[in-house]
Structures are given as C-alpha cells and as structure tokens.
C-alpha cells in the first residue's frame, strides 16, 4: 500500500503556485509537508500561510496544494 499523503502523482501536469512571491511548479497531490520536504525545510520551524490563512502545523500532511495557491513560508530563527 502506497502512502499518497506525501507522494504526488507524476502523470498529471504540475500545479503552479506562488511561494514567497516566486512562481513554482509542484506535482499534483503535493501536500504542505511534501512542499517543505522539497524545499529542505523543517516543518516544526516553519509557519505556512496559504491564501492568507495560517495552516495549522498538525494539518501539514493533510492539506493538498491546489493550482494558483499563494503561499508564504515564515522560518523562525532562534537566538539570544
């Protein structure tokens, strides 16, 4: 049984999204977690805003990205 949560379809044409103001193509079926993995970002250190709504971190693997989504990724940096 395959895990389709993170494994996008490779047969369908890609989706076009905007990530932090830059257009990016991803495979259909890509979740927020899948995008963060592609970008080599640690989900626990990122806040994701999708179409002006914050995506709860607990839902990153459930939220599939859609054509035209506008995403803002905010990376928290610790320091003192």
C-alpha atoms as a PDB file:
ATOM      1  CA  UNK A   1       0.000   0.000   0.000  1.00  0.00           C
ATOM      2  CA  UNK A   2       1.496   3.335  -1.013  1.00  0.00           C
ATOM      3  CA  UNK A   3       1.451   6.500   1.071  1.00  0.00           C
ATOM      4  CA  UNK A   4      -0.289   9.067  -1.129  1.00  0.00           C
ATOM      5  CA  UNK A   5      -0.117  11.755   1.537  1.00  0.00           C
ATOM      6  CA  UNK A   6       3.388  12.775   0.503  1.00  0.00           C
ATOM      7  CA  UNK A   7       3.721  11.054  -2.874  1.00  0.00           C
ATOM      8  CA  UNK A   8       2.371  13.260  -5.638  1.00  0.00           C
ATOM      9  CA  UNK A   9       1.135  11.877  -8.941  1.00  0.00           C
ATOM     10  CA  UNK A  10       3.779  12.054 -11.655  1.00  0.00           C
ATOM     11  CA  UNK A  11       1.348  11.591 -14.558  1.00  0.00           C
ATOM     12  CA  UNK A  12      -0.774  14.737 -14.258  1.00  0.00           C
ATOM     13  CA  UNK A  13       0.572  18.145 -15.302  1.00  0.00           C
ATOM     14  CA  UNK A  14       2.150  20.115 -12.449  1.00  0.00           C
ATOM     15  CA  UNK A  15       0.435  22.801 -10.407  1.00  0.00           C
ATOM     16  CA  UNK A  16       1.683  26.370 -10.475  1.00  0.00           C
ATOM     17  CA  UNK A  17       1.893  28.022  -7.040  1.00  0.00           C
ATOM     18  CA  UNK A  18       3.424  31.186  -5.696  1.00  0.00           C
ATOM     19  CA  UNK A  19       5.803  30.627  -2.777  1.00  0.00           C
ATOM     20  CA  UNK A  20       7.067  33.781  -1.073  1.00  0.00           C
ATOM     21  CA  UNK A  21       6.398  35.755  -4.244  1.00  0.00           C
ATOM     22  CA  UNK A  22       8.086  33.299  -6.642  1.00  0.00           C
ATOM     23  CA  UNK A  23       6.210  31.026  -9.035  1.00  0.00           C
ATOM     24  CA  UNK A  24       6.972  27.351  -8.522  1.00  0.00           C
ATOM     25  CA  UNK A  25       5.665  24.142 -10.069  1.00  0.00           C
ATOM     26  CA  UNK A  26       4.864  21.099  -7.952  1.00  0.00           C
ATOM     27  CA  UNK A  27       3.260  17.766  -8.759  1.00  0.00           C
ATOM     28  CA  UNK A  28      -0.464  17.361  -8.205  1.00  0.00           C
ATOM     29  CA  UNK A  29      -1.185  15.766  -4.853  1.00  0.00           C
ATOM     30  CA  UNK A  30       1.694  17.553  -3.124  1.00  0.00           C
ATOM     31  CA  UNK A  31       0.876  18.384   0.481  1.00  0.00           C
ATOM     32  CA  UNK A  32       2.263  21.232   2.570  1.00  0.00           C
ATOM     33  CA  UNK A  33       4.628  18.683   4.158  1.00  0.00           C
ATOM     34  CA  UNK A  34       5.697  17.497   0.698  1.00  0.00           C
ATOM     35  CA  UNK A  35       6.498  21.051  -0.381  1.00  0.00           C
ATOM     36  CA  UNK A  36       8.509  21.720   2.764  1.00  0.00           C
ATOM     37  CA  UNK A  37      10.443  18.482   2.184  1.00  0.00           C
ATOM     38  CA  UNK A  38      11.189  19.534  -1.426  1.00  0.00           C
ATOM     39  CA  UNK A  39      12.481  22.856  -0.115  1.00  0.00           C
ATOM     40  CA  UNK A  40      14.519  21.015   2.567  1.00  0.00           C
ATOM     41  CA  UNK A  41      12.766  22.917   5.364  1.00  0.00           C
ATOM     42  CA  UNK A  42      11.956  21.542   8.809  1.00  0.00           C
ATOM     43  CA  UNK A  43       8.164  21.719   9.290  1.00  0.00           C
ATOM     44  CA  UNK A  44       8.489  22.442  13.022  1.00  0.00           C
ATOM     45  CA  UNK A  45      10.396  25.636  12.258  1.00  0.00           C
ATOM     46  CA  UNK A  46       8.036  26.971   9.566  1.00  0.00           C
ATOM     47  CA  UNK A  47       4.700  28.765   9.656  1.00  0.00           C
ATOM     48  CA  UNK A  48       2.759  28.340   6.419  1.00  0.00           C
ATOM     49  CA  UNK A  49       0.190  30.844   5.243  1.00  0.00           C
ATOM     50  CA  UNK A  50      -1.936  29.557   2.349  1.00  0.00           C
ATOM     51  CA  UNK A  51      -4.152  32.059   0.589  1.00  0.00           C
ATOM     52  CA  UNK A  52      -3.954  34.396   3.607  1.00  0.00           C
ATOM     53  CA  UNK A  53      -4.895  31.681   6.126  1.00  0.00           C
ATOM     54  CA  UNK A  54      -2.424  30.055   8.523  1.00  0.00           C
ATOM     55  CA  UNK A  55      -2.264  26.280   8.041  1.00  0.00           C
ATOM     56  CA  UNK A  56      -2.173  24.517  11.434  1.00  0.00           C
ATOM     57  CA  UNK A  57       1.076  22.529  11.698  1.00  0.00           C
ATOM     58  CA  UNK A  58      -0.905  19.393  12.609  1.00  0.00           C
ATOM     59  CA  UNK A  59      -2.587  19.570   9.168  1.00  0.00           C
ATOM     60  CA  UNK A  60       0.544  19.954   7.002  1.00  0.00           C
ATOM     61  CA  UNK A  61       0.338  16.319   5.770  1.00  0.00           C
ATOM     62  CA  UNK A  62      -3.397  16.570   5.094  1.00  0.00           C
ATOM     63  CA  UNK A  63      -3.559  19.828   3.130  1.00  0.00           C
ATOM     64  CA  UNK A  64      -3.043  19.238  -0.598  1.00  0.00           C
ATOM     65  CA  UNK A  65      -1.864  22.226  -2.564  1.00  0.00           C
ATOM     66  CA  UNK A  66      -4.027  23.477  -5.426  1.00  0.00           C
ATOM     67  CA  UNK A  67      -3.471  25.373  -8.656  1.00  0.00           C
ATOM     68  CA  UNK A  68      -2.869  29.068  -8.002  1.00  0.00           C
ATOM     69  CA  UNK A  69      -2.265  28.763  -4.252  1.00  0.00           C
ATOM     70  CA  UNK A  70      -0.422  31.731  -2.754  1.00  0.00           C
ATOM     71  CA  UNK A  71       1.934  30.535  -0.006  1.00  0.00           C
ATOM     72  CA  UNK A  72       4.062  32.485   2.416  1.00  0.00           C
ATOM     73  CA  UNK A  73       6.594  30.490   4.410  1.00  0.00           C
ATOM     74  CA  UNK A  74       7.978  32.086   7.552  1.00  0.00           C
ATOM     75  CA  UNK A  75      11.068  30.471   9.068  1.00  0.00           C
ATOM     76  CA  UNK A  76      11.701  31.031  12.770  1.00  0.00           C
ATOM     77  CA  UNK A  77      15.280  31.505  13.820  1.00  0.00           C
ATOM     78  CA  UNK A  78      16.297  31.177  17.447  1.00  0.00           C
ATOM     79  CA  UNK A  79      18.892  33.369  19.002  1.00  0.00           C
ATOM     80  CA  UNK A  80      19.778  35.311  22.017  1.00  0.00           C
END
